[in-house]
C-alpha atoms as a PDB file:
ATOM      1  CA  MET A   1       0.000   0.000   0.000  1.00  0.00           C
ATOM      2  CA  THR A   2       2.940   2.378   0.515  1.00  0.00           C
ATOM      3  CA  GLY A   3       4.928   1.284  -2.530  1.00  0.00           C
ATOM      4  CA  GLY A   4       7.602  -0.228  -0.327  1.00  0.00           C
ATOM      5  CA  VAL A   5       8.293   3.070   1.455  1.00  0.00           C
ATOM      6  CA  GLY A   6       6.503   2.278   4.704  1.00  0.00           C
ATOM      7  CA  VAL A   7       4.406   4.441   6.987  1.00  0.00           C
ATOM      8  CA  ASP A   8       5.486   7.584   8.824  1.00  0.00           C
ATOM      9  CA  ALA A   9       4.453   6.246  12.233  1.00  0.00           C
ATOM     10  CA  THR A  10       2.826   3.170  13.724  1.00  0.00           C
ATOM     11  CA  LEU A  11       1.071   2.525  16.996  1.00  0.00           C
ATOM     12  CA  GLU A  12       0.981  -0.851  18.721  1.00  0.00           C
ATOM     13  CA  CYS A  13      -1.573  -1.099  21.526  1.00  0.00           C
ATOM     14  CA  VAL A  14      -0.792  -3.835  24.071  1.00  0.00           C
ATOM     15  CA  GLY A  15      -0.587  -6.688  21.637  1.00  0.00           C
ATOM     16  CA  THR A  16       1.630  -9.598  20.897  1.00  0.00           C
ATOM     17  CA  SER A  17       5.145 -10.054  19.638  1.00  0.00           C
ATOM     18  CA  GLN A  18       3.649 -10.512  16.164  1.00  0.00           C
ATOM     19  CA  SER A  19       1.828  -7.162  16.312  1.00  0.00           C
ATOM     20  CA  VAL A  20       5.009  -5.393  17.441  1.00  0.00           C
ATOM     21  CA  GLN A  21       6.940  -7.036  14.597  1.00  0.00           C
ATOM     22  CA  THR A  22       4.246  -5.881  12.147  1.00  0.00           C
ATOM     23  CA  ALA A  23       4.369  -2.316  13.492  1.00  0.00           C
ATOM     24  CA  ILE A  24       8.151  -2.221  13.075  1.00  0.00           C
ATOM     25  CA  GLY A  25       8.008  -4.007   9.723  1.00  0.00           C
ATOM     26  CA  VAL A  26       5.646  -1.498   8.106  1.00  0.00           C
ATOM     27  CA  ALA A  27       7.471   1.553   9.478  1.00  0.00           C
ATOM     28  CA  ARG A  28       9.554   3.527   6.981  1.00  0.00           C
ATOM     29  CA  ALA A  29      13.200   4.234   7.673  1.00  0.00           C
ATOM     30  CA  GLY A  30      13.580   7.025  10.217  1.00  0.00           C
ATOM     31  CA  SER A  31      10.069   6.673  11.644  1.00  0.00           C
ATOM     32  CA  MET A  32       8.751   5.997  15.124  1.00  0.00           C
ATOM     33  CA  VAL A  33       6.774   3.095  16.534  1.00  0.00           C
ATOM     34  CA  GLY A  34       4.644   3.951  19.519  1.00  0.00           C
ATOM     35  CA  TYR A  35       3.194   1.514  22.001  1.00  0.00           C
ATOM     36  CA  VAL A  36       0.501   1.817  24.628  1.00  0.00           C
ATOM     37  CA  GLY A  37       0.810  -0.416  27.667  1.00  0.00           C
ATOM     38  CA  ILE A  38       3.269  -3.272  27.889  1.00  0.00           C
ATOM     39  CA  PRO A  39       3.366  -5.813  25.036  1.00  0.00           C
ATOM     40  CA  HIS A  40       3.773  -9.343  26.398  1.00  0.00           C
ATOM     41  CA  GLY A  41       6.683 -11.604  25.448  1.00  0.00           C
ATOM     42  CA  VAL A  42       8.231  -9.101  23.057  1.00  0.00           C
ATOM     43  CA  GLU A  43      11.866  -8.935  22.027  1.00  0.00           C
ATOM     44  CA  LEU A  44      12.660  -5.932  19.874  1.00  0.00           C
ATOM     45  CA  PRO A  45      14.621  -6.541  16.642  1.00  0.00           C
ATOM     46  CA  ILE A  46      17.427  -4.157  17.597  1.00  0.00           C
ATOM     47  CA  ALA A  47      19.509  -4.750  14.440  1.00  0.00           C
ATOM     48  CA  GLN A  48      16.532  -4.104  12.143  1.00  0.00           C
ATOM     49  CA  MET A  49      15.650  -0.967  14.097  1.00  0.00           C
ATOM     50  CA  PHE A  50      19.283   0.221  14.101  1.00  0.00           C
ATOM     51  CA  PHE A  51      19.877  -0.168  10.363  1.00  0.00           C
ATOM     52  CA  ARG A  52      16.530   1.455   9.491  1.00  0.00           C
ATOM     53  CA  THR A  53      16.821   4.121  12.230  1.00  0.00           C
ATOM     54  CA  ILE A  54      13.411   3.221  13.662  1.00  0.00           C
ATOM     55  CA  GLY A  55      12.683   4.507  17.140  1.00  0.00           C
ATOM     56  CA  VAL A  56      10.325   3.009  19.700  1.00  0.00           C
ATOM     57  CA  ARG A  57       8.590   5.007  22.452  1.00  0.00           C
ATOM     58  CA  GLY A  58       5.621   4.365  24.649  1.00  0.00           C
ATOM     59  CA  GLY A  59       3.974   4.448  27.995  1.00  0.00           C
ATOM     60  CA  GLY A  60       1.037   3.461  30.104  1.00  0.00           C
ATOM     61  CA  ALA A  61      -2.596   3.455  29.139  1.00  0.00           C
ATOM     62  CA  PRO A  62      -4.684   5.054  31.905  1.00  0.00           C
ATOM     63  CA  ALA A  63      -7.921   3.808  30.341  1.00  0.00           C
ATOM     64  CA  ARG A  64     -10.038   4.299  33.466  1.00  0.00           C
ATOM     65  CA  VAL A  65      -9.464   8.056  33.220  1.00  0.00           C
ATOM     66  CA  TYR A  66     -11.293   8.135  29.877  1.00  0.00           C
ATOM     67  CA  LEU A  67     -14.049   5.595  30.609  1.00  0.00           C
ATOM     68  CA  PRO A  68     -16.803   7.952  31.831  1.00  0.00           C
ATOM     69  CA  GLU A  69     -16.560  10.214  28.769  1.00  0.00           C
ATOM     70  CA  LEU A  70     -16.092   7.363  26.307  1.00  0.00           C
ATOM     71  CA  LEU A  71     -18.917   5.286  27.768  1.00  0.00           C
ATOM     72  CA  ALA A  72     -21.273   8.239  27.408  1.00  0.00           C
ATOM     73  CA  ASP A  73     -20.192   8.617  23.746  1.00  0.00           C
ATOM     74  CA  VAL A  74     -20.693   4.913  23.083  1.00  0.00           C
ATOM     75  CA  LEU A  75     -24.137   4.890  24.702  1.00  0.00           C
ATOM     76  CA  ALA A  76     -25.133   7.985  22.709  1.00  0.00           C
ATOM     77  CA  GLN A  77     -23.832   6.216  19.557  1.00  0.00           C
ATOM     78  CA  ARG A  78     -21.304   8.965  18.814  1.00  0.00           C
ATOM     79  CA  ILE A  79     -18.573   6.281  18.909  1.00  0.00           C
ATOM     80  CA  ASN A  80     -18.901   2.761  17.549  1.00  0.00           C
ATOM     81  CA  PRO A  81     -16.536   0.475  19.491  1.00  0.00           C
ATOM     82  CA  GLY A  82     -17.419  -2.477  17.246  1.00  0.00           C
ATOM     83  CA  ARG A  83     -14.050  -2.516  15.519  1.00  0.00           C
ATOM     84  CA  VAL A  84     -12.298  -3.268  18.798  1.00  0.00           C
ATOM     85  CA  LEU A  85     -15.047  -4.875  20.869  1.00  0.00           C
ATOM     86  CA  ASP A  86     -15.716  -7.703  18.457  1.00  0.00           C
ATOM     87  CA  TYR A  87     -16.909 -10.436  20.831  1.00  0.00           C
ATOM     88  CA  GLU A  88     -19.984 -10.128  23.011  1.00  0.00           C
ATOM     89  CA  THR A  89     -21.019 -12.292  25.933  1.00  0.00           C
ATOM     90  CA  ASP A  90     -22.801 -12.283  29.269  1.00  0.00           C
ATOM     91  CA  LEU A  91     -21.313 -13.089  32.679  1.00  0.00           C
ATOM     92  CA  GLU A  92     -21.610 -16.826  32.115  1.00  0.00           C
ATOM     93  CA  GLY A  93     -19.547 -16.597  28.913  1.00  0.00           C
ATOM     94  CA  ILE A  94     -16.502 -14.795  30.300  1.00  0.00           C
ATOM     95  CA  ALA A  95     -14.284 -17.891  30.093  1.00  0.00           C
ATOM     96  CA  ASP A  96     -15.201 -18.285  26.414  1.00  0.00           C
ATOM     97  CA  ALA A  97     -14.465 -14.596  25.814  1.00  0.00           C
ATOM     98  CA  TYR A  98     -10.971 -14.958  27.299  1.00  0.00           C
ATOM     99  CA  ALA A  99     -10.407 -18.089  25.212  1.00  0.00           C
ATOM    100  CA  ALA A 100     -11.485 -16.229  22.058  1.00  0.00           C
ATOM    101  CA  MET A 101      -9.009 -13.419  22.784  1.00  0.00           C
ATOM    102  CA  ASP A 102      -6.230 -15.882  23.620  1.00  0.00           C
ATOM    103  CA  GLU A 103      -6.849 -17.815  20.385  1.00  0.00           C
ATOM    104  CA  ARG A 104      -6.976 -14.541  18.399  1.00  0.00           C
ATOM    105  CA  ARG A 105     -10.610 -15.107  17.374  1.00  0.00           C
ATOM    106  CA  ALA A 106     -11.452 -11.816  19.091  1.00  0.00           C
ATOM    107  CA  ILE A 107      -9.655  -8.549  19.750  1.00  0.00           C
ATOM    108  CA  LYS A 108     -11.538  -7.423  22.855  1.00  0.00           C
ATOM    109  CA  SER A 109     -14.674  -8.762  24.489  1.00  0.00           C
ATOM    110  CA  LEU A 110     -17.755  -6.893  25.641  1.00  0.00           C
ATOM    111  CA  VAL A 111     -19.517  -8.335  28.671  1.00  0.00           C
ATOM    112  CA  ARG A 112     -23.151  -7.292  28.880  1.00  0.00           C
ATOM    113  CA  VAL A 113     -24.788  -7.277  32.294  1.00  0.00           C
ATOM    114  CA  GLY A 114     -28.507  -6.578  32.149  1.00  0.00           C
ATOM    115  CA  THR A 115     -30.014  -4.263  29.545  1.00  0.00           C
ATOM    116  CA  ILE A 116     -29.276  -0.686  28.636  1.00  0.00           C
END
């Protein structure tokens, strides 16, 4: 999609080693890869980053700070979280939701309790 040039910046959001590798792999020479949270089991490809002068920076994700405002936007249908929350269950299905995320059949799970 970039004609082999790569993208100006990428953002990896608490994923896997594979998602970090993808973020670095699609970055153009001299660009930055950002991360949110702590990716699990990740070893950075230092040589690849060195020879392509790719930087990596990141920090925590204080999601609870944004929840009240974002939840109001979701409930008012100003934001559609469907691209991230792609698995829905109730309280009894939580184990299946975790299994779906672990097996990469789901990105994030939505647990519905009662009706809105």
